[in-house]
Amino acid sequence: MDAPVTARHHRIAFDLDRDAGWYVRRPELVPYPKVPHRLKVERTQVDRFREQGAEVIITGPMRAKRRTFYTGLRPLPDVGWYIGNDHELLNGKKVLSLVLFWFSPDMDELTLFYFPRYYRADRTDRERWAVAFIRTQERQGAA
């Protein structure tokens, strides 16, 4: 398994707007465009997601009758941490990106770690890698 610190990623912070029910992205000097300004956590309606261990999903707002972001949240062994993915079409092929989510204990903050075009196909390997990344971030005081 390659070292988790070698994967290029974007760290994006959100705060919960309790009245609206959306996590709102904090201002950034150069925002990463793949992640929308607002995200919402909801119970999943999709059996396939539940079968894969994701009882909840995280979505972005609608644009042109499509979600700007949509993934199941599968819990990781570390409290408050979840794993998901994002996809894009590149030269006609679907390319996945790994996404990690950390929710503060009071659920008021969300930190998203987006790994563009980095994904591990094997679920066990992917989760092991994610936990190693989390531990590295905690050691460095970044998580």
N, C-alpha and C. Protein backbone atom coordinates (compact mmCIF):
# COMPACT_ATOMS: atom_id res chain seq x y z
N MET A 1 0.86 -1.18 0.00
CA MET A 1 0.00 0.00 0.00
C MET A 1 0.90 1.23 0.00
N ASP A 2 0.66 2.16 -0.95
CA ASP A 2 1.50 3.36 -0.97
C ASP A 2 1.10 4.30 0.16
N ALA A 3 2.03 5.14 0.54
CA ALA A 3 1.82 6.03 1.68
C ALA A 3 0.67 6.99 1.42
N PRO A 4 -0.26 7.14 2.38
CA PRO A 4 -1.42 7.99 2.17
C PRO A 4 -1.07 9.44 1.95
N VAL A 5 0.08 9.88 2.44
CA VAL A 5 0.43 11.29 2.29
C VAL A 5 0.80 11.64 0.85
N THR A 6 1.01 10.64 -0.01
CA THR A 6 1.42 10.94 -1.38
C THR A 6 0.26 11.30 -2.28
N ALA A 7 -0.96 11.02 -1.90
CA ALA A 7 -2.12 11.32 -2.75
C ALA A 7 -2.46 12.81 -2.67
N ARG A 8 -2.50 13.45 -3.81
CA ARG A 8 -2.87 14.87 -3.87
C ARG A 8 -4.34 15.00 -3.46
N HIS A 9 -4.63 15.99 -2.65
CA HIS A 9 -6.01 16.17 -2.20
C HIS A 9 -6.31 17.64 -1.91
N HIS A 10 -7.61 17.92 -1.83
CA HIS A 10 -8.10 19.25 -1.48
C HIS A 10 -8.85 19.11 -0.17
N ARG A 11 -8.57 20.00 0.76
CA ARG A 11 -9.25 20.01 2.07
C ARG A 11 -10.22 21.18 2.06
N ILE A 12 -11.51 20.90 2.26
CA ILE A 12 -12.54 21.92 2.15
C ILE A 12 -13.40 21.89 3.41
N ALA A 13 -13.57 23.05 4.04
CA ALA A 13 -14.30 23.14 5.30
C ALA A 13 -15.69 23.75 5.08
N PHE A 14 -16.66 23.23 5.83
CA PHE A 14 -18.05 23.67 5.77
C PHE A 14 -18.56 23.91 7.18
N ASP A 15 -19.54 24.80 7.31
CA ASP A 15 -20.25 25.02 8.57
C ASP A 15 -21.72 24.74 8.34
N LEU A 16 -22.38 24.15 9.34
CA LEU A 16 -23.79 23.82 9.22
C LEU A 16 -24.65 25.05 9.44
N ASP A 17 -25.52 25.33 8.49
CA ASP A 17 -26.57 26.33 8.65
C ASP A 17 -27.78 25.55 9.15
N ARG A 18 -27.99 25.55 10.45
CA ARG A 18 -29.04 24.72 11.06
C ARG A 18 -30.44 25.10 10.56
N ASP A 19 -30.66 26.36 10.30
CA ASP A 19 -31.99 26.79 9.82
C ASP A 19 -32.30 26.22 8.44
N ALA A 20 -31.32 26.21 7.56
CA ALA A 20 -31.53 25.74 6.19
C ALA A 20 -31.28 24.23 6.06
N GLY A 21 -30.48 23.67 6.98
CA GLY A 21 -30.15 22.25 6.91
C GLY A 21 -29.03 21.91 5.95
N TRP A 22 -28.30 22.90 5.48
CA TRP A 22 -27.20 22.70 4.54
C TRP A 22 -25.86 23.02 5.21
N TYR A 23 -24.83 22.30 4.81
CA TYR A 23 -23.46 22.68 5.16
C TYR A 23 -23.00 23.69 4.12
N VAL A 24 -22.51 24.84 4.59
CA VAL A 24 -22.11 25.92 3.69
C VAL A 24 -20.58 26.03 3.71
N ARG A 25 -20.02 26.04 2.54
CA ARG A 25 -18.57 26.08 2.36
C ARG A 25 -17.99 27.38 2.89
N ARG A 26 -16.88 27.26 3.62
CA ARG A 26 -16.19 28.45 4.10
C ARG A 26 -15.48 29.12 2.93
N PRO A 27 -15.33 30.45 3.00
CA PRO A 27 -14.62 31.15 1.92
C PRO A 27 -13.18 30.66 1.77
N GLU A 28 -12.74 30.55 0.53
CA GLU A 28 -11.37 30.12 0.22
C GLU A 28 -10.77 31.09 -0.79
N LEU A 29 -9.46 31.23 -0.76
CA LEU A 29 -8.78 32.09 -1.72
C LEU A 29 -8.98 31.55 -3.14
N VAL A 30 -8.77 30.24 -3.30
CA VAL A 30 -8.97 29.59 -4.60
C VAL A 30 -9.84 28.35 -4.36
N PRO A 31 -11.16 28.47 -4.54
CA PRO A 31 -12.05 27.32 -4.27
C PRO A 31 -11.88 26.21 -5.30
N TYR A 32 -12.00 24.99 -4.84
CA TYR A 32 -11.92 23.82 -5.72
C TYR A 32 -13.30 23.62 -6.37
N PRO A 33 -13.38 23.69 -7.70
CA PRO A 33 -14.69 23.73 -8.38
C PRO A 33 -15.48 22.42 -8.40
N LYS A 34 -14.87 21.28 -8.10
CA LYS A 34 -15.60 20.00 -8.16
C LYS A 34 -16.57 19.84 -7.00
N VAL A 35 -16.41 20.61 -5.95
CA VAL A 35 -17.27 20.49 -4.77
C VAL A 35 -18.15 21.74 -4.67
N PRO A 36 -19.48 21.54 -4.61
CA PRO A 36 -20.38 22.71 -4.59
C PRO A 36 -20.29 23.51 -3.29
N HIS A 37 -20.88 24.69 -3.33
CA HIS A 37 -20.85 25.63 -2.20
C HIS A 37 -21.68 25.12 -1.01
N ARG A 38 -22.70 24.28 -1.29
CA ARG A 38 -23.56 23.76 -0.23
C ARG A 38 -23.69 22.25 -0.36
N LEU A 39 -23.76 21.56 0.78
CA LEU A 39 -23.99 20.12 0.81
C LEU A 39 -25.03 19.81 1.88
N LYS A 40 -25.82 18.77 1.61
CA LYS A 40 -26.88 18.37 2.55
C LYS A 40 -26.78 16.87 2.81
N VAL A 41 -26.91 16.48 4.08
CA VAL A 41 -26.90 15.08 4.47
C VAL A 41 -28.35 14.62 4.64
N GLU A 42 -28.67 13.46 4.04
CA GLU A 42 -30.04 12.94 4.08
C GLU A 42 -30.00 11.42 4.20
N ARG A 43 -31.08 10.84 4.68
CA ARG A 43 -31.21 9.38 4.67
C ARG A 43 -31.29 8.91 3.23
N THR A 44 -30.63 7.80 2.95
CA THR A 44 -30.65 7.30 1.58
C THR A 44 -31.98 6.63 1.24
N GLN A 45 -32.40 6.79 0.00
CA GLN A 45 -33.60 6.14 -0.51
C GLN A 45 -33.21 4.99 -1.44
N VAL A 46 -31.92 4.84 -1.67
CA VAL A 46 -31.42 3.88 -2.66
C VAL A 46 -30.97 2.59 -1.98
N ASP A 47 -31.65 1.49 -2.27
CA ASP A 47 -31.31 0.20 -1.66
C ASP A 47 -29.85 -0.19 -1.91
N ARG A 48 -29.35 0.08 -3.11
CA ARG A 48 -27.96 -0.27 -3.46
C ARG A 48 -26.98 0.40 -2.50
N PHE A 49 -27.24 1.64 -2.13
CA PHE A 49 -26.36 2.35 -1.19
C PHE A 49 -26.42 1.71 0.20
N ARG A 50 -27.65 1.38 0.64
CA ARG A 50 -27.81 0.76 1.96
C ARG A 50 -27.09 -0.59 2.00
N GLU A 51 -27.21 -1.36 0.92
CA GLU A 51 -26.55 -2.67 0.84
C GLU A 51 -25.03 -2.53 0.92
N GLN A 52 -24.51 -1.39 0.51
CA GLN A 52 -23.06 -1.14 0.56
C GLN A 52 -22.65 -0.48 1.87
N GLY A 53 -23.60 -0.32 2.80
CA GLY A 53 -23.27 0.23 4.12
C GLY A 53 -23.48 1.71 4.28
N ALA A 54 -24.11 2.37 3.30
CA ALA A 54 -24.34 3.82 3.39
C ALA A 54 -25.80 4.08 3.72
N GLU A 55 -26.08 4.33 5.00
CA GLU A 55 -27.45 4.64 5.43
C GLU A 55 -27.82 6.08 5.13
N VAL A 56 -26.80 6.92 4.91
CA VAL A 56 -27.05 8.32 4.59
C VAL A 56 -26.27 8.69 3.33
N ILE A 57 -26.72 9.76 2.68
CA ILE A 57 -26.05 10.30 1.50
C ILE A 57 -25.72 11.76 1.76
N ILE A 58 -24.83 12.30 0.95
CA ILE A 58 -24.55 13.73 0.98
C ILE A 58 -24.72 14.22 -0.45
N THR A 59 -25.47 15.30 -0.61
CA THR A 59 -25.79 15.80 -1.95
C THR A 59 -25.53 17.29 -2.05
N GLY A 60 -25.34 17.72 -3.27
CA GLY A 60 -25.25 19.15 -3.57
C GLY A 60 -26.58 19.63 -4.12
N PRO A 61 -26.70 20.92 -4.39
CA PRO A 61 -27.94 21.44 -4.96
C PRO A 61 -28.16 20.96 -6.39
N MET A 62 -29.36 21.13 -6.87
CA MET A 62 -29.72 20.75 -8.25
C MET A 62 -29.27 21.85 -9.21
N ARG A 63 -28.77 21.39 -10.38
CA ARG A 63 -28.46 22.30 -11.48
C ARG A 63 -28.82 21.57 -12.76
N ALA A 64 -29.65 22.16 -13.58
CA ALA A 64 -30.09 21.54 -14.84
C ALA A 64 -30.69 20.15 -14.57
N LYS A 65 -31.53 20.06 -13.53
CA LYS A 65 -32.24 18.83 -13.16
C LYS A 65 -31.31 17.69 -12.73
N ARG A 66 -30.09 18.02 -12.31
CA ARG A 66 -29.14 17.01 -11.82
C ARG A 66 -28.48 17.52 -10.54
N ARG A 67 -28.11 16.58 -9.68
CA ARG A 67 -27.37 16.93 -8.47
C ARG A 67 -25.95 17.33 -8.84
N THR A 68 -25.44 18.38 -8.21
CA THR A 68 -24.07 18.81 -8.47
C THR A 68 -23.06 17.93 -7.74
N PHE A 69 -23.54 17.16 -6.76
CA PHE A 69 -22.68 16.25 -6.00
C PHE A 69 -23.60 15.22 -5.36
N TYR A 70 -23.17 13.95 -5.32
CA TYR A 70 -24.04 12.92 -4.77
C TYR A 70 -23.20 11.69 -4.44
N THR A 71 -23.18 11.29 -3.19
CA THR A 71 -22.49 10.06 -2.81
C THR A 71 -23.05 9.52 -1.51
N GLY A 72 -22.95 8.21 -1.35
CA GLY A 72 -23.29 7.59 -0.09
C GLY A 72 -22.18 7.84 0.91
N LEU A 73 -22.52 7.90 2.18
CA LEU A 73 -21.52 8.06 3.26
C LEU A 73 -21.42 6.74 4.02
N ARG A 74 -20.32 6.03 3.84
CA ARG A 74 -20.09 4.79 4.59
C ARG A 74 -19.19 5.11 5.78
N PRO A 75 -19.60 4.72 6.99
CA PRO A 75 -18.78 5.03 8.17
C PRO A 75 -17.46 4.27 8.15
N LEU A 76 -16.43 4.93 8.64
CA LEU A 76 -15.12 4.31 8.83
C LEU A 76 -14.96 3.99 10.32
N PRO A 77 -13.95 3.21 10.68
CA PRO A 77 -13.78 2.85 12.10
C PRO A 77 -13.55 4.05 13.03
N ASP A 78 -12.98 5.13 12.51
CA ASP A 78 -12.72 6.31 13.33
C ASP A 78 -14.01 7.13 13.45
N VAL A 79 -14.37 7.49 14.67
CA VAL A 79 -15.62 8.22 14.94
C VAL A 79 -15.66 9.53 14.17
N GLY A 80 -16.80 9.76 13.50
CA GLY A 80 -16.99 11.01 12.77
C GLY A 80 -16.49 10.99 11.33
N TRP A 81 -15.82 9.91 10.93
CA TRP A 81 -15.25 9.81 9.58
C TRP A 81 -16.09 8.90 8.69
N TYR A 82 -16.23 9.34 7.43
CA TYR A 82 -17.00 8.60 6.43
C TYR A 82 -16.24 8.61 5.11
N ILE A 83 -16.56 7.65 4.26
CA ILE A 83 -15.91 7.54 2.95
C ILE A 83 -16.98 7.54 1.87
N GLY A 84 -16.66 8.15 0.75
CA GLY A 84 -17.54 8.18 -0.41
C GLY A 84 -16.71 8.37 -1.66
N ASN A 85 -17.37 8.71 -2.75
CA ASN A 85 -16.63 8.96 -3.99
C ASN A 85 -17.37 9.98 -4.84
N ASP A 86 -16.70 10.42 -5.86
CA ASP A 86 -17.28 11.30 -6.86
C ASP A 86 -16.84 10.75 -8.21
N HIS A 87 -17.52 11.13 -9.26
CA HIS A 87 -17.11 10.64 -10.58
C HIS A 87 -17.19 11.75 -11.62
N GLU A 88 -16.45 11.54 -12.68
CA GLU A 88 -16.49 12.43 -13.83
C GLU A 88 -16.26 11.59 -15.08
N LEU A 89 -16.67 12.12 -16.20
CA LEU A 89 -16.40 11.46 -17.47
C LEU A 89 -15.15 12.10 -18.07
N LEU A 90 -14.19 11.27 -18.39
CA LEU A 90 -12.93 11.73 -18.96
C LEU A 90 -12.67 10.91 -20.21
N ASN A 91 -12.69 11.55 -21.37
CA ASN A 91 -12.55 10.86 -22.65
C ASN A 91 -13.55 9.71 -22.78
N GLY A 92 -14.77 9.95 -22.32
CA GLY A 92 -15.83 8.96 -22.44
C GLY A 92 -15.80 7.85 -21.40
N LYS A 93 -14.85 7.90 -20.46
CA LYS A 93 -14.76 6.87 -19.42
C LYS A 93 -15.07 7.49 -18.06
N LYS A 94 -15.75 6.69 -17.22
CA LYS A 94 -16.06 7.12 -15.86
C LYS A 94 -14.80 6.99 -15.00
N VAL A 95 -14.41 8.09 -14.38
CA VAL A 95 -13.23 8.12 -13.51
C VAL A 95 -13.69 8.50 -12.11
N LEU A 96 -13.32 7.68 -11.12
CA LEU A 96 -13.72 7.91 -9.73
C LEU A 96 -12.66 8.71 -8.97
N SER A 97 -13.14 9.45 -7.99
CA SER A 97 -12.27 10.17 -7.05
C SER A 97 -12.72 9.80 -5.64
N LEU A 98 -11.77 9.52 -4.79
CA LEU A 98 -12.04 9.20 -3.39
C LEU A 98 -12.37 10.48 -2.63
N VAL A 99 -13.36 10.41 -1.73
CA VAL A 99 -13.71 11.56 -0.90
C VAL A 99 -13.88 11.07 0.54
N LEU A 100 -13.21 11.75 1.47
CA LEU A 100 -13.35 11.46 2.90
C LEU A 100 -14.07 12.64 3.55
N PHE A 101 -14.89 12.32 4.55
CA PHE A 101 -15.69 13.33 5.24
C PHE A 101 -15.46 13.19 6.74
N TRP A 102 -15.23 14.32 7.41
CA TRP A 102 -15.14 14.33 8.88
C TRP A 102 -16.17 15.31 9.41
N PHE A 103 -17.02 14.80 10.32
CA PHE A 103 -18.02 15.63 10.98
C PHE A 103 -17.59 15.85 12.42
N SER A 104 -17.66 17.10 12.88
CA SER A 104 -17.32 17.40 14.28
C SER A 104 -18.32 16.68 15.19
N PRO A 105 -17.96 16.46 16.46
CA PRO A 105 -18.86 15.74 17.38
C PRO A 105 -20.26 16.37 17.48
N ASP A 106 -20.35 17.69 17.39
CA ASP A 106 -21.67 18.34 17.46
C ASP A 106 -22.33 18.47 16.09
N MET A 107 -21.67 17.96 15.04
CA MET A 107 -22.16 17.97 13.65
C MET A 107 -22.24 19.37 13.05
N ASP A 108 -21.67 20.38 13.71
CA ASP A 108 -21.72 21.75 13.20
C ASP A 108 -20.68 22.02 12.12
N GLU A 109 -19.65 21.17 12.04
CA GLU A 109 -18.59 21.37 11.05
C GLU A 109 -18.40 20.11 10.22
N LEU A 110 -18.08 20.30 8.97
CA LEU A 110 -17.76 19.22 8.05
C LEU A 110 -16.46 19.59 7.36
N THR A 111 -15.52 18.66 7.35
CA THR A 111 -14.31 18.83 6.56
C THR A 111 -14.27 17.72 5.54
N LEU A 112 -14.09 18.09 4.30
CA LEU A 112 -14.10 17.16 3.18
C LEU A 112 -12.69 17.10 2.60
N PHE A 113 -12.22 15.88 2.36
CA PHE A 113 -10.92 15.66 1.72
C PHE A 113 -11.20 15.02 0.37
N TYR A 114 -10.91 15.74 -0.71
CA TYR A 114 -11.22 15.30 -2.07
C TYR A 114 -9.92 14.92 -2.77
N PHE A 115 -9.85 13.67 -3.24
CA PHE A 115 -8.67 13.14 -3.92
C PHE A 115 -8.99 13.00 -5.41
N PRO A 116 -8.71 14.03 -6.22
CA PRO A 116 -9.11 13.98 -7.63
C PRO A 116 -8.44 12.85 -8.40
N ARG A 117 -9.29 12.05 -9.05
CA ARG A 117 -8.85 10.94 -9.91
C ARG A 117 -7.98 9.92 -9.18
N TYR A 118 -8.15 9.85 -7.88
CA TYR A 118 -7.45 8.84 -7.07
C TYR A 118 -8.51 7.95 -6.44
N TYR A 119 -8.41 6.66 -6.68
CA TYR A 119 -9.39 5.73 -6.14
C TYR A 119 -8.77 4.34 -6.07
N ARG A 120 -9.19 3.58 -5.09
CA ARG A 120 -8.75 2.19 -4.94
C ARG A 120 -9.97 1.30 -5.13
N ALA A 121 -9.89 0.42 -6.11
CA ALA A 121 -11.05 -0.40 -6.48
C ALA A 121 -11.47 -1.37 -5.37
N ASP A 122 -10.52 -1.94 -4.66
CA ASP A 122 -10.83 -2.91 -3.62
C ASP A 122 -11.31 -2.18 -2.35
N ARG A 123 -12.52 -2.50 -1.91
CA ARG A 123 -13.13 -1.80 -0.78
C ARG A 123 -12.30 -1.89 0.50
N THR A 124 -11.81 -3.08 0.83
CA THR A 124 -11.01 -3.25 2.06
C THR A 124 -9.73 -2.44 1.97
N ASP A 125 -9.06 -2.50 0.83
CA ASP A 125 -7.83 -1.74 0.63
C ASP A 125 -8.11 -0.24 0.71
N ARG A 126 -9.21 0.20 0.12
CA ARG A 126 -9.60 1.61 0.12
C ARG A 126 -9.84 2.10 1.55
N GLU A 127 -10.54 1.29 2.35
CA GLU A 127 -10.83 1.69 3.73
C GLU A 127 -9.57 1.68 4.59
N ARG A 128 -8.69 0.70 4.36
CA ARG A 128 -7.41 0.66 5.08
C ARG A 128 -6.58 1.90 4.76
N TRP A 129 -6.54 2.24 3.48
CA TRP A 129 -5.80 3.42 3.04
C TRP A 129 -6.39 4.68 3.69
N ALA A 130 -7.72 4.77 3.72
CA ALA A 130 -8.38 5.95 4.30
C ALA A 130 -8.04 6.09 5.79
N VAL A 131 -8.07 4.99 6.52
CA VAL A 131 -7.74 5.04 7.96
C VAL A 131 -6.28 5.47 8.14
N ALA A 132 -5.38 4.97 7.30
CA ALA A 132 -3.97 5.38 7.39
C ALA A 132 -3.83 6.87 7.09
N PHE A 133 -4.57 7.37 6.12
CA PHE A 133 -4.55 8.80 5.81
C PHE A 133 -5.04 9.61 7.01
N ILE A 134 -6.15 9.17 7.61
CA ILE A 134 -6.71 9.87 8.78
C ILE A 134 -5.69 9.93 9.90
N ARG A 135 -5.06 8.82 10.20
CA ARG A 135 -4.06 8.78 11.28
C ARG A 135 -2.90 9.73 10.98
N THR A 136 -2.47 9.77 9.72
CA THR A 136 -1.39 10.68 9.33
C THR A 136 -1.82 12.13 9.53
N GLN A 137 -3.05 12.45 9.14
CA GLN A 137 -3.56 13.81 9.32
C GLN A 137 -3.65 14.18 10.79
N GLU A 138 -4.09 13.23 11.61
CA GLU A 138 -4.19 13.49 13.05
C GLU A 138 -2.82 13.72 13.66
N ARG A 139 -1.83 12.94 13.24
CA ARG A 139 -0.47 13.12 13.74
C ARG A 139 0.08 14.49 13.37
N GLN A 140 -0.29 14.95 12.19
CA GLN A 140 0.19 16.25 11.71
C GLN A 140 -0.67 17.42 12.22
N GLY A 141 -1.74 17.08 12.95
CA GLY A 141 -2.63 18.11 13.48
C GLY A 141 -3.52 18.75 12.43
N ALA A 142 -3.70 18.06 11.30
CA ALA A 142 -4.49 18.62 10.19
C ALA A 142 -5.91 18.09 10.17
N ALA A 143 -6.24 17.12 11.01
CA ALA A 143 -7.60 16.54 11.00
C ALA A 143 -8.31 16.83 12.29
